Amino acid sequence: MDTKALRQKILDLAIHGKLVPQDPNDEPASVLLERIKAEKERLIKEGKIKRSKKSAKTSDTPHYENVPFEVPESWVWTTIEEI
C-alpha cells in the first residue's frame, strides 16, 4: 500500500469512527452541542458576541438531510455555523 492509499484509509477510518475504539461512557455529541448552543445564546444576549449572519439564514433542507455518510450513533452532524 502506497503512502497516498494509506493516508486515505486512515482518514476514512477516522471519519467513520473506526480509527480508535468508541467509549460508550462518553457524553453523547448531542448533549455537548446543546450545551454549546446554550452558551452561544447566552453570550449573544449579553452582547459579548454577535449572531452569525449565516446562522440567521434558514434553509428549506435541514443540514442533517445532507449528510454525505453515516456516522456512529454517538456522533451528530452539525454545521460550523451552529457551533
PDB file of N, CA and C in Angstrom:
ATOM      1  N   MET A   1       0.864  -1.188   0.000  1.00  0.00           N
ATOM      2  CA  MET A   1       0.000   0.000   0.000  1.00  0.00           C
ATOM      3  C   MET A   1       0.895   1.231   0.000  1.00  0.00           C
ATOM      4  N   ASP A   2       0.663   2.123  -0.934  1.00  0.00           N
ATOM      5  CA  ASP A   2       1.485   3.326  -1.004  1.00  0.00           C
ATOM      6  C   ASP A   2       1.017   4.348   0.041  1.00  0.00           C
ATOM      7  N   THR A   3       1.789   5.406   0.206  1.00  0.00           N
ATOM      8  CA  THR A   3       1.525   6.413   1.226  1.00  0.00           C
ATOM      9  C   THR A   3       0.176   7.094   1.012  1.00  0.00           C
ATOM     10  N   LYS A   4      -0.151   7.407  -0.229  1.00  0.00           N
ATOM     11  CA  LYS A   4      -1.417   8.081  -0.522  1.00  0.00           C
ATOM     12  C   LYS A   4      -2.605   7.193  -0.156  1.00  0.00           C
ATOM     13  N   ALA A   5      -2.537   5.916  -0.493  1.00  0.00           N
ATOM     14  CA  ALA A   5      -3.623   4.988  -0.180  1.00  0.00           C
ATOM     15  C   ALA A   5      -3.743   4.790   1.331  1.00  0.00           C
ATOM     16  N   LEU A   6      -2.595   4.706   2.019  1.00  0.00           N
ATOM     17  CA  LEU A   6      -2.604   4.556   3.479  1.00  0.00           C
ATOM     18  C   LEU A   6      -3.237   5.771   4.134  1.00  0.00           C
ATOM     19  N   ARG A   7      -2.849   6.949   3.667  1.00  0.00           N
ATOM     20  CA  ARG A   7      -3.411   8.187   4.201  1.00  0.00           C
ATOM     21  C   ARG A   7      -4.931   8.207   4.015  1.00  0.00           C
ATOM     22  N   GLN A   8      -5.397   7.820   2.840  1.00  0.00           N
ATOM     23  CA  GLN A   8      -6.831   7.808   2.547  1.00  0.00           C
ATOM     24  C   GLN A   8      -7.563   6.807   3.443  1.00  0.00           C
ATOM     25  N   LYS A   9      -6.968   5.651   3.663  1.00  0.00           N
ATOM     26  CA  LYS A   9      -7.583   4.627   4.516  1.00  0.00           C
ATOM     27  C   LYS A   9      -7.695   5.116   5.963  1.00  0.00           C
ATOM     28  N   ILE A  10      -6.645   5.761   6.464  1.00  0.00           N
ATOM     29  CA  ILE A  10      -6.667   6.293   7.830  1.00  0.00           C
ATOM     30  C   ILE A  10      -7.735   7.369   7.961  1.00  0.00           C
ATOM     31  N   LEU A  11      -7.821   8.253   6.985  1.00  0.00           N
ATOM     32  CA  LEU A  11      -8.844   9.297   7.005  1.00  0.00           C
ATOM     33  C   LEU A  11     -10.245   8.686   6.972  1.00  0.00           C
ATOM     34  N   ASP A  12     -10.443   7.697   6.134  1.00  0.00           N
ATOM     35  CA  ASP A  12     -11.735   7.029   6.031  1.00  0.00           C
ATOM     36  C   ASP A  12     -12.128   6.386   7.362  1.00  0.00           C
ATOM     37  N   LEU A  13     -11.194   5.695   7.985  1.00  0.00           N
ATOM     38  CA  LEU A  13     -11.475   5.076   9.287  1.00  0.00           C
ATOM     39  C   LEU A  13     -11.805   6.137  10.334  1.00  0.00           C
ATOM     40  N   ALA A  14     -11.076   7.240  10.316  1.00  0.00           N
ATOM     41  CA  ALA A  14     -11.285   8.303  11.309  1.00  0.00           C
ATOM     42  C   ALA A  14     -12.652   8.951  11.179  1.00  0.00           C
ATOM     43  N   ILE A  15     -13.049   9.274   9.958  1.00  0.00           N
ATOM     44  CA  ILE A  15     -14.329   9.979   9.800  1.00  0.00           C
ATOM     45  C   ILE A  15     -15.533   9.061   9.963  1.00  0.00           C
ATOM     46  N   HIS A  16     -15.298   7.781  10.029  1.00  0.00           N
ATOM     47  CA  HIS A  16     -16.379   6.833  10.299  1.00  0.00           C
ATOM     48  C   HIS A  16     -16.329   6.304  11.736  1.00  0.00           C
ATOM     49  N   GLY A  17     -15.442   6.881  12.558  1.00  0.00           N
ATOM     50  CA  GLY A  17     -15.375   6.495  13.967  1.00  0.00           C
ATOM     51  C   GLY A  17     -14.778   5.138  14.217  1.00  0.00           C
ATOM     52  N   LYS A  18     -13.926   4.678  13.299  1.00  0.00           N
ATOM     53  CA  LYS A  18     -13.362   3.341  13.433  1.00  0.00           C
ATOM     54  C   LYS A  18     -11.854   3.333  13.617  1.00  0.00           C
ATOM     55  N   LEU A  19     -11.263   4.509  13.784  1.00  0.00           N
ATOM     56  CA  LEU A  19      -9.815   4.583  13.945  1.00  0.00           C
ATOM     57  C   LEU A  19      -9.400   4.182  15.362  1.00  0.00           C
ATOM     58  N   VAL A  20     -10.191   4.601  16.330  1.00  0.00           N
ATOM     59  CA  VAL A  20      -9.944   4.248  17.730  1.00  0.00           C
ATOM     60  C   VAL A  20     -11.245   3.719  18.323  1.00  0.00           C
ATOM     61  N   PRO A  21     -11.160   2.934  19.376  1.00  0.00           N
ATOM     62  CA  PRO A  21     -12.394   2.425  19.997  1.00  0.00           C
ATOM     63  C   PRO A  21     -13.266   3.569  20.513  1.00  0.00           C
ATOM     64  N   GLN A  22     -14.575   3.425  20.366  1.00  0.00           N
ATOM     65  CA  GLN A  22     -15.521   4.416  20.868  1.00  0.00           C
ATOM     66  C   GLN A  22     -15.911   4.017  22.288  1.00  0.00           C
ATOM     67  N   ASP A  23     -15.868   4.967  23.205  1.00  0.00           N
ATOM     68  CA  ASP A  23     -16.208   4.709  24.601  1.00  0.00           C
ATOM     69  C   ASP A  23     -17.695   4.979  24.815  1.00  0.00           C
ATOM     70  N   PRO A  24     -18.477   3.953  25.135  1.00  0.00           N
ATOM     71  CA  PRO A  24     -19.917   4.158  25.331  1.00  0.00           C
ATOM     72  C   PRO A  24     -20.231   5.047  26.533  1.00  0.00           C
ATOM     73  N   ASN A  25     -19.244   5.281  27.402  1.00  0.00           N
ATOM     74  CA  ASN A  25     -19.455   6.143  28.567  1.00  0.00           C
ATOM     75  C   ASN A  25     -19.248   7.622  28.247  1.00  0.00           C
ATOM     76  N   ASP A  26     -18.742   7.932  27.060  1.00  0.00           N
ATOM     77  CA  ASP A  26     -18.558   9.327  26.664  1.00  0.00           C
ATOM     78  C   ASP A  26     -19.905  10.021  26.554  1.00  0.00           C
ATOM     79  N   GLU A  27     -19.907  11.301  26.848  1.00  0.00           N
ATOM     80  CA  GLU A  27     -21.118  12.117  26.703  1.00  0.00           C
ATOM     81  C   GLU A  27     -21.544  12.127  25.235  1.00  0.00           C
ATOM     82  N   PRO A  28     -22.817  11.944  24.959  1.00  0.00           N
ATOM     83  CA  PRO A  28     -23.265  11.989  23.563  1.00  0.00           C
ATOM     84  C   PRO A  28     -22.995  13.363  22.942  1.00  0.00           C
ATOM     85  N   ALA A  29     -22.681  13.362  21.668  1.00  0.00           N
ATOM     86  CA  ALA A  29     -22.393  14.608  20.962  1.00  0.00           C
ATOM     87  C   ALA A  29     -23.595  15.548  20.999  1.00  0.00           C
ATOM     88  N   SER A  30     -24.793  15.001  20.986  1.00  0.00           N
ATOM     89  CA  SER A  30     -25.998  15.843  21.005  1.00  0.00           C
ATOM     90  C   SER A  30     -26.073  16.676  22.287  1.00  0.00           C
ATOM     91  N   VAL A  31     -25.655  16.097  23.408  1.00  0.00           N
ATOM     92  CA  VAL A  31     -25.660  16.817  24.683  1.00  0.00           C
ATOM     93  C   VAL A  31     -24.624  17.936  24.653  1.00  0.00           C
ATOM     94  N   LEU A  32     -23.441  17.641  24.141  1.00  0.00           N
ATOM     95  CA  LEU A  32     -22.400  18.652  24.030  1.00  0.00           C
ATOM     96  C   LEU A  32     -22.843  19.796  23.122  1.00  0.00           C
ATOM     97  N   LEU A  33     -23.434  19.481  21.987  1.00  0.00           N
ATOM     98  CA  LEU A  33     -23.897  20.517  21.068  1.00  0.00           C
ATOM     99  C   LEU A  33     -24.965  21.399  21.704  1.00  0.00           C
ATOM    100  N   GLU A  34     -25.854  20.818  22.491  1.00  0.00           N
ATOM    101  CA  GLU A  34     -26.880  21.618  23.175  1.00  0.00           C
ATOM    102  C   GLU A  34     -26.242  22.573  24.174  1.00  0.00           C
ATOM    103  N   ARG A  35     -25.214  22.114  24.892  1.00  0.00           N
ATOM    104  CA  ARG A  35     -24.509  22.995  25.833  1.00  0.00           C
ATOM    105  C   ARG A  35     -23.816  24.135  25.084  1.00  0.00           C
ATOM    106  N   ILE A  36     -23.189  23.806  23.958  1.00  0.00           N
ATOM    107  CA  ILE A  36     -22.517  24.829  23.152  1.00  0.00           C
ATOM    108  C   ILE A  36     -23.524  25.863  22.655  1.00  0.00           C
ATOM    109  N   LYS A  37     -24.661  25.400  22.137  1.00  0.00           N
ATOM    110  CA  LYS A  37     -25.696  26.322  21.640  1.00  0.00           C
ATOM    111  C   LYS A  37     -26.228  27.221  22.758  1.00  0.00           C
ATOM    112  N   ALA A  38     -26.459  26.662  23.934  1.00  0.00           N
ATOM    113  CA  ALA A  38     -26.961  27.446  25.069  1.00  0.00           C
ATOM    114  C   ALA A  38     -25.946  28.508  25.476  1.00  0.00           C
ATOM    115  N   GLU A  39     -24.671  28.133  25.522  1.00  0.00           N
ATOM    116  CA  GLU A  39     -23.620  29.088  25.880  1.00  0.00           C
ATOM    117  C   GLU A  39     -23.514  30.185  24.830  1.00  0.00           C
ATOM    118  N   LYS A  40     -23.612  29.827  23.574  1.00  0.00           N
ATOM    119  CA  LYS A  40     -23.549  30.813  22.488  1.00  0.00           C
ATOM    120  C   LYS A  40     -24.719  31.789  22.599  1.00  0.00           C
ATOM    121  N   GLU A  41     -25.921  31.285  22.861  1.00  0.00           N
ATOM    122  CA  GLU A  41     -27.088  32.163  23.022  1.00  0.00           C
ATOM    123  C   GLU A  41     -26.904  33.102  24.211  1.00  0.00           C
ATOM    124  N   ARG A  42     -26.347  32.596  25.298  1.00  0.00           N
ATOM    125  CA  ARG A  42     -26.099  33.428  26.480  1.00  0.00           C
ATOM    126  C   ARG A  42     -25.140  34.561  26.127  1.00  0.00           C
ATOM    127  N   LEU A  43     -24.062  34.238  25.415  1.00  0.00           N
ATOM    128  CA  LEU A  43     -23.078  35.253  25.041  1.00  0.00           C
ATOM    129  C   LEU A  43     -23.662  36.282  24.072  1.00  0.00           C
ATOM    130  N   ILE A  44     -24.551  35.842  23.192  1.00  0.00           N
ATOM    131  CA  ILE A  44     -25.221  36.768  22.275  1.00  0.00           C
ATOM    132  C   ILE A  44     -26.114  37.721  23.070  1.00  0.00           C
ATOM    133  N   LYS A  45     -26.902  37.182  24.010  1.00  0.00           N
ATOM    134  CA  LYS A  45     -27.801  38.008  24.816  1.00  0.00           C
ATOM    135  C   LYS A  45     -27.036  39.011  25.665  1.00  0.00           C
ATOM    136  N   GLU A  46     -25.844  38.621  26.133  1.00  0.00           N
ATOM    137  CA  GLU A  46     -25.014  39.523  26.942  1.00  0.00           C
ATOM    138  C   GLU A  46     -24.250  40.523  26.080  1.00  0.00           C
ATOM    139  N   GLY A  47     -24.348  40.386  24.774  1.00  0.00           N
ATOM    140  CA  GLY A  47     -23.669  41.306  23.875  1.00  0.00           C
ATOM    141  C   GLY A  47     -22.179  41.048  23.731  1.00  0.00           C
ATOM    142  N   LYS A  48     -21.727  39.898  24.183  1.00  0.00           N
ATOM    143  CA  LYS A  48     -20.301  39.583  24.108  1.00  0.00           C
ATOM    144  C   LYS A  48     -19.891  39.075  22.736  1.00  0.00           C
ATOM    145  N   ILE A  49     -20.838  38.477  22.016  1.00  0.00           N
ATOM    146  CA  ILE A  49     -20.600  38.053  20.642  1.00  0.00           C
ATOM    147  C   ILE A  49     -21.823  38.417  19.816  1.00  0.00           C
ATOM    148  N   LYS A  50     -21.636  38.473  18.511  1.00  0.00           N
ATOM    149  CA  LYS A  50     -22.756  38.772  17.616  1.00  0.00           C
ATOM    150  C   LYS A  50     -23.229  37.488  16.958  1.00  0.00           C
ATOM    151  N   ARG A  51     -24.507  37.480  16.632  1.00  0.00           N
ATOM    152  CA  ARG A  51     -25.076  36.331  15.924  1.00  0.00           C
ATOM    153  C   ARG A  51     -24.494  36.305  14.514  1.00  0.00           C
ATOM    154  N   SER A  52     -24.080  35.147  14.081  1.00  0.00           N
ATOM    155  CA  SER A  52     -23.544  34.976  12.740  1.00  0.00           C
ATOM    156  C   SER A  52     -24.632  35.243  11.713  1.00  0.00           C
ATOM    157  N   LYS A  53     -24.294  35.970  10.652  1.00  0.00           N
ATOM    158  CA  LYS A  53     -25.268  36.227   9.592  1.00  0.00           C
ATOM    159  C   LYS A  53     -25.679  34.917   8.930  1.00  0.00           C
ATOM    160  N   LYS A  54     -24.756  33.976   8.818  1.00  0.00           N
ATOM    161  CA  LYS A  54     -25.075  32.685   8.215  1.00  0.00           C
ATOM    162  C   LYS A  54     -26.031  31.889   9.083  1.00  0.00           C
ATOM    163  N   SER A  55     -25.879  31.969  10.410  1.00  0.00           N
ATOM    164  CA  SER A  55     -26.759  31.189  11.294  1.00  0.00           C
ATOM    165  C   SER A  55     -28.171  31.760  11.311  1.00  0.00           C
ATOM    166  N   ALA A  56     -28.321  33.028  10.948  1.00  0.00           N
ATOM    167  CA  ALA A  56     -29.646  33.637  10.923  1.00  0.00           C
ATOM    168  C   ALA A  56     -30.444  33.188   9.699  1.00  0.00           C
ATOM    169  N   LYS A  57     -29.750  32.781   8.649  1.00  0.00           N
ATOM    170  CA  LYS A  57     -30.425  32.328   7.444  1.00  0.00           C
ATOM    171  C   LYS A  57     -30.993  30.931   7.685  1.00  0.00           C
ATOM    172  N   THR A  58     -32.138  30.687   7.118  1.00  0.00           N
ATOM    173  CA  THR A  58     -32.724  29.354   7.242  1.00  0.00           C
ATOM    174  C   THR A  58     -32.726  28.685   5.885  1.00  0.00           C
ATOM    175  N   SER A  59     -32.656  27.382   5.899  1.00  0.00           N
ATOM    176  CA  SER A  59     -32.650  26.597   4.677  1.00  0.00           C
ATOM    177  C   SER A  59     -33.903  25.738   4.634  1.00  0.00           C
ATOM    178  N   ASP A  60     -34.372  25.462   3.439  1.00  0.00           N
ATOM    179  CA  ASP A  60     -35.514  24.570   3.299  1.00  0.00           C
ATOM    180  C   ASP A  60     -35.145  23.128   3.632  1.00  0.00           C
ATOM    181  N   THR A  61     -33.861  22.790   3.477  1.00  0.00           N
ATOM    182  CA  THR A  61     -33.394  21.436   3.742  1.00  0.00           C
ATOM    183  C   THR A  61     -32.517  21.447   4.996  1.00  0.00           C
ATOM    184  N   PRO A  62     -32.955  20.794   6.070  1.00  0.00           N
ATOM    185  CA  PRO A  62     -32.126  20.736   7.277  1.00  0.00           C
ATOM    186  C   PRO A  62     -30.771  20.098   6.978  1.00  0.00           C
ATOM    187  N   HIS A  63     -29.737  20.562   7.685  1.00  0.00           N
ATOM    188  CA  HIS A  63     -28.382  20.061   7.425  1.00  0.00           C
ATOM    189  C   HIS A  63     -28.272  18.553   7.585  1.00  0.00           C
ATOM    190  N   TYR A  64     -29.040  17.969   8.489  1.00  0.00           N
ATOM    191  CA  TYR A  64     -28.930  16.538   8.716  1.00  0.00           C
ATOM    192  C   TYR A  64     -29.490  15.702   7.570  1.00  0.00           C
ATOM    193  N   GLU A  65     -30.173  16.336   6.636  1.00  0.00           N
ATOM    194  CA  GLU A  65     -30.637  15.612   5.457  1.00  0.00           C
ATOM    195  C   GLU A  65     -29.589  15.615   4.350  1.00  0.00           C
ATOM    196  N   ASN A  66     -28.531  16.382   4.526  1.00  0.00           N
ATOM    197  CA  ASN A  66     -27.478  16.494   3.520  1.00  0.00           C
ATOM    198  C   ASN A  66     -26.187  15.799   3.951  1.00  0.00           C
ATOM    199  N   VAL A  67     -26.273  14.800   4.797  1.00  0.00           N
ATOM    200  CA  VAL A  67     -25.069  14.140   5.293  1.00  0.00           C
ATOM    201  C   VAL A  67     -24.468  13.246   4.209  1.00  0.00           C
ATOM    202  N   PRO A  68     -23.147  13.305   4.043  1.00  0.00           N
ATOM    203  CA  PRO A  68     -22.514  12.515   2.991  1.00  0.00           C
ATOM    204  C   PRO A  68     -22.323  11.037   3.326  1.00  0.00           C
ATOM    205  N   PHE A  69     -22.376  10.682   4.620  1.00  0.00           N
ATOM    206  CA  PHE A  69     -22.208   9.288   5.027  1.00  0.00           C
ATOM    207  C   PHE A  69     -22.696   9.117   6.455  1.00  0.00           C
ATOM    208  N   GLU A  70     -22.923   7.895   6.839  1.00  0.00           N
ATOM    209  CA  GLU A  70     -23.374   7.584   8.195  1.00  0.00           C
ATOM    210  C   GLU A  70     -22.210   7.710   9.177  1.00  0.00           C
ATOM    211  N   VAL A  71     -22.524   8.126  10.390  1.00  0.00           N
ATOM    212  CA  VAL A  71     -21.528   8.229  11.454  1.00  0.00           C
ATOM    213  C   VAL A  71     -22.000   7.375  12.631  1.00  0.00           C
ATOM    214  N   PRO A  72     -21.098   7.084  13.571  1.00  0.00           N
ATOM    215  CA  PRO A  72     -21.501   6.293  14.744  1.00  0.00           C
ATOM    216  C   PRO A  72     -22.681   6.934  15.474  1.00  0.00           C
ATOM    217  N   GLU A  73     -23.449   6.123  16.187  1.00  0.00           N
ATOM    218  CA  GLU A  73     -24.647   6.596  16.882  1.00  0.00           C
ATOM    219  C   GLU A  73     -24.362   7.718  17.862  1.00  0.00           C
ATOM    220  N   SER A  74     -23.209   7.722  18.486  1.00  0.00           N
ATOM    221  CA  SER A  74     -22.901   8.745  19.486  1.00  0.00           C
ATOM    222  C   SER A  74     -22.455  10.066  18.853  1.00  0.00           C
ATOM    223  N   TRP A  75     -22.311  10.118  17.533  1.00  0.00           N
ATOM    224  CA  TRP A  75     -21.916  11.336  16.823  1.00  0.00           C
ATOM    225  C   TRP A  75     -23.160  12.051  16.315  1.00  0.00           C
ATOM    226  N   VAL A  76     -23.000  13.327  15.993  1.00  0.00           N
ATOM    227  CA  VAL A  76     -24.096  14.123  15.459  1.00  0.00           C
ATOM    228  C   VAL A  76     -23.570  15.011  14.348  1.00  0.00           C
ATOM    229  N   TRP A  77     -24.305  15.077  13.243  1.00  0.00           N
ATOM    230  CA  TRP A  77     -23.963  16.011  12.175  1.00  0.00           C
ATOM    231  C   TRP A  77     -24.420  17.402  12.581  1.00  0.00           C
ATOM    232  N   THR A  78     -23.604  18.396  12.294  1.00  0.00           N
ATOM    233  CA  THR A  78     -23.978  19.779  12.524  1.00  0.00           C
ATOM    234  C   THR A  78     -23.227  20.641  11.524  1.00  0.00           C
ATOM    235  N   THR A  79     -23.507  21.909  11.520  1.00  0.00           N
ATOM    236  CA  THR A  79     -22.772  22.831  10.660  1.00  0.00           C
ATOM    237  C   THR A  79     -21.905  23.718  11.529  1.00  0.00           C
ATOM    238  N   ILE A  80     -20.887  24.279  10.949  1.00  0.00           N
ATOM    239  CA  ILE A  80     -19.978  25.143  11.712  1.00  0.00           C
ATOM    240  C   ILE A  80     -20.714  26.376  12.227  1.00  0.00           C
ATOM    241  N   GLU A  81     -21.710  26.830  11.498  1.00  0.00           N
ATOM    242  CA  GLU A  81     -22.470  27.999  11.937  1.00  0.00           C
ATOM    243  C   GLU A  81     -23.249  27.736  13.215  1.00  0.00           C
ATOM    244  N   GLU A  82     -23.575  26.493  13.473  1.00  0.00           N
ATOM    245  CA  GLU A  82     -24.349  26.150  14.666  1.00  0.00           C
ATOM    246  C   GLU A  82     -23.489  26.068  15.922  1.00  0.00           C
ATOM    247  N   ILE A  83     -22.190  26.084  15.742  1.00  0.00           N
ATOM    248  CA  ILE A  83     -21.286  25.962  16.899  1.00  0.00           C
ATOM    249  C   ILE A  83     -20.805  27.325  17.337  1.00  0.00           C
TER     250      ILE A  83
END
